[in-house]
């Protein structure tokens, strides 16, 4: 049996006993002291006095004794409502732990009440988690090396640039071979009607660039042929992907075979790619790869920090949030399985394992959410209008349609700004936490 934490709080007119229960539910037993109970009774009398009419007296001006004598049950009812309201407010002021929402509050109950002995009122509610203060000096991360930029990777980028500026010649009179570039369309025949996966997409027949099952279908196929086959899981996929994979029947149409003629990597190609010269292009490629490597290293460090935070700081979560999140995730996963053509029987067989996975996912995601909120509070992290404007401009440059939309729909623009602000705060919070953990200045 779990020992529940119990605390007592004292304030003017109230004594509060608080018990922290499972799932962030706080149960309160509020003793309303006699003086406070008597004041509440007199308030009840005044309320009733203003609502009734007694011959010989103006409304609200009748003597209290007369009001009580004629309408004692009405006064008693009003008094108890006032007691409940004042006990509720007094208890919250004393404990300074507030309900997560109105729906989480159980209706307060009066256990006993009298003007001579006071009253006892009980109620409970769900509250946000009590997240401990994060001590970054006690956190340590595993060493995560930055990826070394190889010449092979530089060559891959150069090949992509060459491919983007290549000239293409159609090949006729033979079937598909390894090394070809083929234009194909793919649709699933497991769905009714069939669902398109690719439409007139050019792909290179190379083991590193095409799934083995698609290579098997295409090699030897003639132009204009329509071939059928079945998707297969990538042998290098992770265990989670393998566990959830469902094969699908597909139909593949071969539109044409093409042969590229690649341009030389010289100053002319460099200028087409936005560089001043071949040397400048190579430098830009290496700089971009170096920047991506630093970004990737930081992302892995942040992921490692998340794991350390989850392992170090354990705390209870509100039951209602956990339940709602589990329900939503389960519905999403089952919907995805249905889209992946799993039968109802197969889904039912997987359901228990899915629910176990979801339980862990929800616990970690919610705890991480509240840990990030705590870090944001500790670091006093917020965004400036200038940062928000810069991010909005960057978004518009990546997607000019956003600018046109912002001119037509102010509500949509405000929603976008709200999402950007939230995203920026999240990013700054992560960077602040990482810098504090590594003992660096957070710029």
Protein backbone atom coordinates (compact mmCIF):
# COMPACT_ATOMS: atom_id res chain seq x y z
CA UNK A 1 0.00 0.00 0.00
CA UNK A 2 1.31 3.46 -0.96
CA UNK A 3 1.86 5.91 1.89
CA UNK A 4 0.06 9.09 0.94
CA UNK A 5 1.71 12.41 1.70
CA UNK A 6 -0.24 14.50 4.20
CA UNK A 7 0.29 18.18 5.03
CA UNK A 8 -1.53 20.69 7.24
CA UNK A 9 -1.94 24.38 6.46
CA UNK A 10 -3.23 27.16 8.70
CA UNK A 11 -4.77 30.45 7.60
CA UNK A 12 -7.18 33.05 8.96
CA UNK A 13 -10.46 31.28 9.55
CA UNK A 14 -9.36 27.89 8.14
CA UNK A 15 -7.29 24.83 8.94
CA UNK A 16 -6.58 22.63 5.91
CA UNK A 17 -5.44 19.02 5.82
CA UNK A 18 -4.15 18.09 2.34
CA UNK A 19 -3.47 14.54 1.18
CA UNK A 20 -1.61 13.97 -2.09
CA UNK A 21 -3.14 10.94 -3.77
CA UNK A 22 -2.19 8.92 -6.84
CA UNK A 23 -2.43 10.65 -10.22
CA UNK A 24 -1.91 14.25 -8.99
CA UNK A 25 -5.19 14.30 -7.08
CA UNK A 26 -5.23 16.45 -3.95
CA UNK A 27 -7.85 15.67 -1.29
CA UNK A 28 -8.61 18.49 1.12
CA UNK A 29 -10.37 18.45 4.47
CA UNK A 30 -11.11 22.04 5.44
CA UNK A 31 -11.98 23.01 9.00
CA UNK A 32 -13.91 26.28 8.92
CA UNK A 33 -13.33 27.85 12.32
CA UNK A 34 -16.39 28.92 14.37
CA UNK A 35 -15.82 32.65 13.84
CA UNK A 36 -15.61 32.15 10.08
CA UNK A 37 -18.69 29.91 10.11
CA UNK A 38 -20.65 32.55 12.01
CA UNK A 39 -19.62 35.25 9.51
CA UNK A 40 -20.75 32.98 6.68
CA UNK A 41 -24.11 32.47 8.44
CA UNK A 42 -24.67 36.22 8.70
CA UNK A 43 -23.84 36.58 5.00
CA UNK A 44 -26.45 33.93 4.27
CA UNK A 45 -29.03 35.86 6.28
CA UNK A 46 -28.28 39.03 4.31
CA UNK A 47 -28.58 37.23 0.98
CA UNK A 48 -31.97 35.79 1.92
CA UNK A 49 -33.10 39.15 3.33
CA UNK A 50 -32.55 40.76 -0.06
CA UNK A 51 -34.49 38.05 -1.87
CA UNK A 52 -37.65 37.88 0.26
CA UNK A 53 -40.48 40.23 1.16
CA UNK A 54 -41.74 40.51 4.75
CA UNK A 55 -44.81 42.66 5.44
CA UNK A 56 -43.92 45.87 7.28
CA UNK A 57 -40.30 45.92 6.10
CA UNK A 58 -38.57 47.08 2.95
CA UNK A 59 -36.76 44.33 1.04
CA UNK A 60 -33.42 43.70 2.70
CA UNK A 61 -34.30 45.73 5.83
CA UNK A 62 -36.06 43.14 7.97
CA UNK A 63 -34.38 42.22 11.32
CA UNK A 64 -32.11 39.16 11.07
CA UNK A 65 -34.08 37.34 13.76
CA UNK A 66 -37.29 37.78 11.76
CA UNK A 67 -35.63 36.49 8.58
CA UNK A 68 -34.26 33.46 10.43
CA UNK A 69 -37.54 32.80 12.18
CA UNK A 70 -39.60 32.80 9.00
CA UNK A 71 -37.09 31.36 6.50
CA UNK A 72 -34.67 29.22 8.53
CA UNK A 73 -34.39 26.45 5.90
CA UNK A 74 -33.70 29.02 3.17
CA UNK A 75 -31.03 30.66 5.36
CA UNK A 76 -29.51 27.25 6.13
CA UNK A 77 -29.28 26.43 2.42
CA UNK A 78 -27.67 29.77 1.56
CA UNK A 79 -25.28 29.45 4.50
CA UNK A 80 -24.03 26.06 3.32
CA UNK A 81 -23.43 27.38 -0.21
CA UNK A 82 -21.38 30.24 1.22
CA UNK A 83 -19.47 27.84 3.50
CA UNK A 84 -18.53 25.69 0.52
CA UNK A 85 -17.39 28.68 -1.55
CA UNK A 86 -15.34 30.19 1.25
CA UNK A 87 -13.84 26.85 2.29
CA UNK A 88 -12.81 26.24 -1.35
CA UNK A 89 -11.20 29.67 -1.78
CA UNK A 90 -9.59 29.57 1.67
CA UNK A 91 -8.12 26.11 1.01
CA UNK A 92 -6.63 27.10 -2.36
CA UNK A 93 -5.12 30.25 -0.85
CA UNK A 94 -3.57 28.11 1.89
CA UNK A 95 -2.14 25.23 -0.17
CA UNK A 96 -1.34 27.29 -3.32
CA UNK A 97 -1.90 24.22 -5.51
CA UNK A 98 -4.57 24.83 -8.10
CA UNK A 99 -6.94 22.60 -10.11
CA UNK A 100 -5.91 21.59 -13.61
CA UNK A 101 -9.39 22.57 -14.83
CA UNK A 102 -12.95 22.94 -13.54
CA UNK A 103 -13.90 19.44 -14.66
CA UNK A 104 -11.30 17.89 -12.35
CA UNK A 105 -12.94 19.30 -9.18
CA UNK A 106 -15.17 16.98 -7.19
CA UNK A 107 -18.24 18.68 -5.74
CA UNK A 108 -17.34 19.86 -2.19
CA UNK A 109 -19.23 18.13 0.62
CA UNK A 110 -20.15 19.45 4.04
CA UNK A 111 -19.33 16.79 6.61
CA UNK A 112 -20.61 18.85 9.54
CA UNK A 113 -21.50 22.45 10.29
CA UNK A 114 -22.65 24.55 13.21
CA UNK A 115 -22.07 28.09 14.29
CA UNK A 116 -20.70 26.93 17.63
CA UNK A 117 -18.18 24.35 16.40
CA UNK A 118 -17.55 25.53 12.87
CA UNK A 119 -17.75 23.35 9.78
CA UNK A 120 -15.84 20.59 8.00
CA UNK A 121 -15.84 20.65 4.19
CA UNK A 122 -14.12 18.08 1.97
CA UNK A 123 -13.32 18.11 -1.74
CA UNK A 124 -10.62 16.96 -4.14
CA UNK A 125 -9.24 17.94 -7.51
CA UNK A 126 -6.56 17.10 -10.02
CA UNK A 127 -3.60 19.45 -10.31
CA UNK A 128 -0.55 19.94 -12.51
CA UNK A 129 2.52 17.85 -11.59
CA UNK A 130 4.94 18.93 -8.89
CA UNK A 131 8.06 19.06 -11.08
CA UNK A 132 11.31 19.33 -9.11
CA UNK A 133 13.85 22.06 -9.83
CA UNK A 134 16.38 20.89 -12.42
CA UNK A 135 19.97 20.81 -11.12
CA UNK A 136 22.02 20.85 -14.31
CA UNK A 137 25.31 20.46 -12.40
CA UNK A 138 24.28 16.90 -11.53
CA UNK A 139 23.49 15.90 -15.11
CA UNK A 140 26.06 14.38 -17.46
CA UNK A 141 25.78 13.31 -21.08
CA UNK A 142 27.59 10.56 -22.97
CA UNK A 143 30.25 11.77 -25.39
CA UNK A 144 28.71 12.35 -28.82
CA UNK A 145 31.26 12.92 -31.58
CA UNK A 146 30.59 15.19 -34.50
CA UNK A 147 30.48 13.37 -37.82
CA UNK A 148 33.66 13.70 -39.89
CA UNK A 149 33.01 15.03 -43.38
CA UNK A 150 34.34 12.53 -45.90
CA UNK A 151 35.28 13.20 -49.50
CA UNK A 152 32.82 10.48 -50.47
CA UNK A 153 30.00 12.60 -49.03
CA UNK A 154 31.27 15.66 -50.92
CA UNK A 155 31.26 13.58 -54.12
CA UNK A 156 27.66 12.52 -53.47
CA UNK A 157 26.58 16.17 -53.30
CA UNK A 158 28.51 16.95 -56.47
CA UNK A 159 26.74 14.05 -58.21
CA UNK A 160 23.39 15.46 -57.14
CA UNK A 161 24.34 18.85 -58.61
CA UNK A 162 25.52 17.19 -61.80
CA UNK A 163 22.27 15.21 -61.99
CA UNK A 164 20.20 18.39 -61.58
CA UNK A 165 21.99 19.93 -64.59
CA UNK A 166 22.30 16.79 -66.72
CA UNK A 167 20.85 16.31 -70.17
CA UNK A 168 18.66 13.25 -70.58
CA UNK A 169 18.36 10.93 -73.58
CA UNK A 170 15.69 8.26 -73.90
CA UNK A 171 16.92 4.71 -74.35
CA UNK A 172 14.91 2.44 -76.66
CA UNK A 173 15.07 -1.11 -77.87
CA UNK A 174 16.09 -2.84 -74.64
CA UNK A 175 14.84 -3.73 -71.18
CA UNK A 176 15.72 -2.14 -67.83
CA UNK A 177 19.21 -2.77 -66.50
CA UNK A 178 21.05 -1.86 -63.31
CA UNK A 179 22.53 1.63 -63.62
CA UNK A 180 19.60 2.91 -65.70
CA UNK A 181 17.37 5.80 -64.77
CA UNK A 182 13.72 4.81 -65.15
CA UNK A 183 10.54 6.84 -65.07
CA UNK A 184 7.80 4.82 -63.35
CA UNK A 185 4.41 5.03 -61.67
CA UNK A 186 3.47 2.81 -58.73
CA UNK A 187 0.08 2.13 -57.17
CA UNK A 188 -1.14 -0.28 -54.51
CA UNK A 189 -3.57 -2.94 -55.69
CA UNK A 190 -4.32 -3.98 -52.10
CA UNK A 191 -6.56 -0.91 -51.83
CA UNK A 192 -9.92 -0.51 -53.53
CA UNK A 193 -9.67 1.69 -55.47
CA UNK A 194 -5.87 1.43 -55.98
CA UNK A 195 -3.86 4.14 -54.23
CA UNK A 196 -1.05 5.91 -56.16
CA UNK A 197 2.36 5.84 -54.48
CA UNK A 198 4.52 7.35 -57.26
CA UNK A 199 3.54 9.13 -60.45
CA UNK A 200 6.02 9.51 -63.35
CA UNK A 201 8.94 9.53 -60.90
CA UNK A 202 12.51 9.19 -62.21
CA UNK A 203 14.58 6.76 -60.14
CA UNK A 204 18.10 5.39 -60.47
CA UNK A 205 18.56 1.64 -60.64
CA UNK A 206 21.16 1.42 -57.89
CA UNK A 207 21.19 -0.72 -54.77
CA UNK A 208 21.87 2.26 -52.50
CA UNK A 209 19.03 4.27 -54.04
CA UNK A 210 16.23 1.76 -54.62
CA UNK A 211 14.47 -0.87 -52.50
CA UNK A 212 15.44 -4.48 -53.36
CA UNK A 213 11.82 -5.50 -54.04
CA UNK A 214 11.43 -2.71 -56.64
CA UNK A 215 14.75 -3.62 -58.31
CA UNK A 216 13.53 -7.20 -58.59
CA UNK A 217 10.33 -6.04 -60.34
CA UNK A 218 12.08 -3.65 -62.73
CA UNK A 219 15.19 -5.50 -63.90
CA UNK A 220 14.41 -7.00 -67.31
CA UNK A 221 11.12 -5.12 -67.72
CA UNK A 222 10.35 -3.55 -71.10
CA UNK A 223 9.29 0.05 -71.69
CA UNK A 224 5.50 0.31 -71.41
CA UNK A 225 5.24 -2.88 -69.38
CA UNK A 226 3.03 -3.10 -66.30
CA UNK A 227 4.48 -5.39 -63.65
CA UNK A 228 2.99 -6.57 -60.37
CA UNK A 229 4.70 -7.51 -57.13
CA UNK A 230 4.71 -7.08 -53.39
CA UNK A 231 6.47 -4.59 -51.15
CA UNK A 232 9.06 -5.90 -48.68
CA UNK A 233 10.58 -4.44 -45.56
CA UNK A 234 14.06 -2.97 -45.87
CA UNK A 235 16.48 -5.43 -44.22
CA UNK A 236 18.19 -2.48 -42.50
CA UNK A 237 14.95 -1.10 -41.01
CA UNK A 238 14.69 -0.89 -37.22
CA UNK A 239 12.83 -3.52 -35.20
CA UNK A 240 9.81 -1.27 -34.62
CA UNK A 241 9.37 -0.78 -38.38
CA UNK A 242 9.79 -4.50 -39.02
CA UNK A 243 7.21 -5.34 -36.35
CA UNK A 244 4.58 -3.02 -37.83
CA UNK A 245 5.31 -3.68 -41.50
CA UNK A 246 2.46 -5.04 -43.61
CA UNK A 247 3.26 -6.10 -47.22
CA UNK A 248 1.17 -4.49 -49.96
CA UNK A 249 0.50 -5.67 -53.49
CA UNK A 250 1.62 -3.12 -56.08
CA UNK A 251 1.39 -2.44 -59.80
CA UNK A 252 4.39 -0.77 -61.48
CA UNK A 253 4.25 0.88 -64.92
CA UNK A 254 7.53 1.58 -66.75
CA UNK A 255 7.20 4.77 -68.82
CA UNK A 256 10.72 5.15 -70.15
CA UNK A 257 14.41 4.46 -69.66
CA UNK A 258 16.76 7.45 -69.70
CA UNK A 259 20.47 7.92 -69.92
CA UNK A 260 22.03 11.05 -68.41
CA UNK A 261 24.95 13.06 -69.72
CA UNK A 262 26.54 14.76 -66.77
CA UNK A 263 28.32 18.12 -67.05
CA UNK A 264 31.91 18.48 -65.91
CA UNK A 265 32.48 19.82 -62.42
CA UNK A 266 33.97 23.16 -63.38
CA UNK A 267 33.46 26.88 -62.90
CA UNK A 268 30.52 26.92 -65.29
CA UNK A 269 28.61 24.25 -63.30
CA UNK A 270 29.57 26.00 -60.07
CA UNK A 271 27.98 29.24 -61.27
CA UNK A 272 24.80 27.38 -62.21
CA UNK A 273 24.73 26.03 -58.64
CA UNK A 274 25.10 29.52 -57.13
CA UNK A 275 28.85 29.56 -56.45
CA UNK A 276 31.56 31.82 -57.90
CA UNK A 277 33.90 29.05 -58.97
CA UNK A 278 34.61 25.33 -58.64
CA UNK A 279 36.71 25.99 -55.53
CA UNK A 280 33.94 28.14 -54.06
CA UNK A 281 31.38 25.40 -54.78
CA UNK A 282 33.51 22.79 -53.00
CA UNK A 283 33.93 25.14 -50.04
CA UNK A 284 30.18 25.79 -49.85
CA UNK A 285 29.46 22.06 -49.97
CA UNK A 286 31.94 21.35 -47.18
CA UNK A 287 30.62 24.28 -45.11
CA UNK A 288 27.05 23.05 -45.54
CA UNK A 289 28.01 19.50 -44.59
CA UNK A 290 29.95 20.80 -41.58
CA UNK A 291 26.94 22.85 -40.47
CA UNK A 292 24.66 19.82 -40.88
CA UNK A 293 27.11 17.70 -38.86
CA UNK A 294 27.12 20.24 -36.02
CA UNK A 295 23.34 20.42 -36.12
CA UNK A 296 23.08 16.63 -36.09
CA UNK A 297 25.49 16.41 -33.16
CA UNK A 298 23.46 18.96 -31.20
CA UNK A 299 20.23 17.10 -31.95
CA UNK A 300 21.73 13.85 -30.67
CA UNK A 301 22.96 15.65 -27.54
CA UNK A 302 19.45 17.03 -26.95
CA UNK A 303 17.96 13.55 -27.37
CA UNK A 304 20.52 12.17 -24.91
CA UNK A 305 19.68 14.97 -22.47
CA UNK A 306 15.99 14.10 -22.74
CA UNK A 307 16.81 10.51 -21.73
CA UNK A 308 18.91 11.70 -18.78
CA UNK A 309 16.16 14.06 -17.60
CA UNK A 310 13.55 11.30 -17.79
CA UNK A 311 15.78 8.91 -15.86
CA UNK A 312 16.73 11.50 -13.21
CA UNK A 313 13.41 13.18 -12.50
CA UNK A 314 10.43 11.01 -11.67
CA UNK A 315 7.08 12.56 -10.72
CA UNK A 316 3.39 11.76 -10.87
CA UNK A 317 1.22 12.80 -13.80
CA UNK A 318 -2.47 13.82 -13.81
CA UNK A 319 -4.59 10.75 -14.50
CA UNK A 320 -6.97 12.58 -16.83
CA UNK A 321 -4.12 13.78 -19.10
CA UNK A 322 -2.58 10.31 -19.21
CA UNK A 323 -5.92 8.66 -20.01
CA UNK A 324 -6.80 11.16 -22.75
CA UNK A 325 -3.36 10.90 -24.36
CA UNK A 326 -3.43 7.09 -24.31
CA UNK A 327 -6.86 7.05 -25.93
CA UNK A 328 -5.82 9.46 -28.69
CA UNK A 329 -2.60 7.58 -29.48
CA UNK A 330 -4.32 4.20 -29.53
CA UNK A 331 -6.93 5.51 -31.97
CA UNK A 332 -4.21 6.95 -34.22
CA UNK A 333 -2.17 3.72 -34.24
CA UNK A 334 -5.20 1.55 -34.97
CA UNK A 335 -6.25 3.91 -37.77
CA UNK A 336 -2.74 3.63 -39.25
CA UNK A 337 -2.85 -0.17 -39.07
CA UNK A 338 -6.16 -0.12 -40.94
CA UNK A 339 -4.60 2.11 -43.61
CA UNK A 340 -1.76 -0.42 -43.82
CA UNK A 341 -4.31 -3.13 -44.61
CA UNK A 342 -4.12 -5.05 -41.32
CA UNK A 343 -7.27 -7.08 -40.67
CA UNK A 344 -9.40 -6.55 -37.57
CA UNK A 345 -8.14 -9.87 -36.20
CA UNK A 346 -4.51 -8.87 -36.74
CA UNK A 347 -5.14 -5.49 -35.09
CA UNK A 348 -6.79 -7.17 -32.11
CA UNK A 349 -3.80 -9.48 -31.74
CA UNK A 350 -1.44 -6.49 -31.74
CA UNK A 351 -3.58 -4.35 -29.42
CA UNK A 352 -2.11 -5.52 -26.11
CA UNK A 353 1.47 -4.88 -27.25
CA UNK A 354 0.44 -1.52 -28.71
CA UNK A 355 -1.15 -0.49 -25.42
CA UNK A 356 2.01 -1.44 -23.52
CA UNK A 357 4.13 0.63 -25.90
CA UNK A 358 1.73 3.55 -25.62
CA UNK A 359 1.86 3.50 -21.84
CA UNK A 360 5.63 4.05 -21.92
CA UNK A 361 5.37 6.62 -24.73
CA UNK A 362 2.74 8.66 -22.91
CA UNK A 363 4.58 8.63 -19.60
CA UNK A 364 7.80 9.83 -21.23
CA UNK A 365 6.21 12.41 -23.53
CA UNK A 366 4.12 14.02 -20.77
CA UNK A 367 6.96 14.05 -18.25
CA UNK A 368 9.26 15.57 -20.87
CA UNK A 369 6.63 18.20 -21.65
CA UNK A 370 6.41 19.26 -18.00
CA UNK A 371 10.19 19.08 -17.54
CA UNK A 372 10.60 21.46 -20.49
CA UNK A 373 8.02 23.79 -18.94
CA UNK A 374 10.04 23.75 -15.71
CA UNK A 375 13.28 24.49 -17.57
CA UNK A 376 11.57 27.33 -19.43
CA UNK A 377 10.45 28.77 -16.10
CA UNK A 378 13.91 28.36 -14.52
CA UNK A 379 15.65 29.97 -17.48
CA UNK A 380 12.99 32.68 -17.85
CA UNK A 381 12.93 31.83 -21.53
CA UNK A 382 10.78 33.84 -23.90
CA UNK A 383 10.89 35.11 -27.46
CA UNK A 384 11.31 38.69 -28.64
CA UNK A 385 9.22 40.27 -31.37
CA UNK A 386 12.37 40.58 -33.47
CA UNK A 387 13.04 36.82 -33.21
CA UNK A 388 9.44 36.10 -34.14
CA UNK A 389 9.59 38.40 -37.16
CA UNK A 390 12.83 36.80 -38.34
CA UNK A 391 11.34 33.32 -38.08
CA UNK A 392 8.20 34.45 -39.94
CA UNK A 393 10.32 35.90 -42.76
CA UNK A 394 12.29 32.64 -42.97
CA UNK A 395 9.05 30.66 -43.18
CA UNK A 396 7.73 32.95 -45.95
CA UNK A 397 10.97 32.59 -47.92
CA UNK A 398 10.65 28.81 -47.74
CA UNK A 399 6.96 28.95 -48.62
CA UNK A 400 5.92 32.19 -50.42
CA UNK A 401 2.29 31.04 -50.33
CA UNK A 402 2.27 31.95 -46.62
CA UNK A 403 2.72 35.62 -47.54
CA UNK A 404 -0.30 35.58 -49.86
CA UNK A 405 -2.32 33.75 -47.24
CA UNK A 406 -1.31 36.25 -44.55
CA UNK A 407 -2.65 39.10 -46.68
CA UNK A 408 -6.05 37.43 -46.97
CA UNK A 409 -6.56 35.78 -43.59
CA UNK A 410 -5.46 37.61 -40.46
CA UNK A 411 -6.79 34.83 -38.20
CA UNK A 412 -4.60 32.28 -39.99
CA UNK A 413 -1.61 34.61 -39.63
CA UNK A 414 -2.18 34.94 -35.89
CA UNK A 415 -2.43 31.16 -35.59
CA UNK A 416 0.84 30.80 -37.51
CA UNK A 417 2.55 33.38 -35.27
CA UNK A 418 1.32 31.53 -32.20
CA UNK A 419 2.75 28.25 -33.51
CA UNK A 420 6.05 29.93 -34.41
CA UNK A 421 6.31 31.50 -30.94
CA UNK A 422 5.69 28.13 -29.31
CA UNK A 423 8.24 26.45 -31.56
CA UNK A 424 10.85 29.13 -30.85
CA UNK A 425 10.38 28.89 -27.10
CA UNK A 426 10.70 25.09 -27.32
CA UNK A 427 13.91 25.39 -29.35
CA UNK A 428 15.43 27.98 -27.00
CA UNK A 429 14.48 25.88 -23.98
CA UNK A 430 16.26 22.85 -25.41
CA UNK A 431 19.36 24.89 -26.27
CA UNK A 432 19.39 26.51 -22.83
CA UNK A 433 19.15 23.12 -21.10
CA UNK A 434 21.93 21.67 -23.25
CA UNK A 435 24.21 24.67 -22.65
CA UNK A 436 23.61 24.48 -18.89
CA UNK A 437 24.31 20.74 -18.83
CA UNK A 438 27.52 21.12 -20.86
CA UNK A 439 28.59 24.12 -18.78
CA UNK A 440 28.54 26.46 -21.76
CA UNK A 441 27.26 30.02 -22.14
CA UNK A 442 23.83 29.90 -23.74
CA UNK A 443 23.95 32.34 -26.64
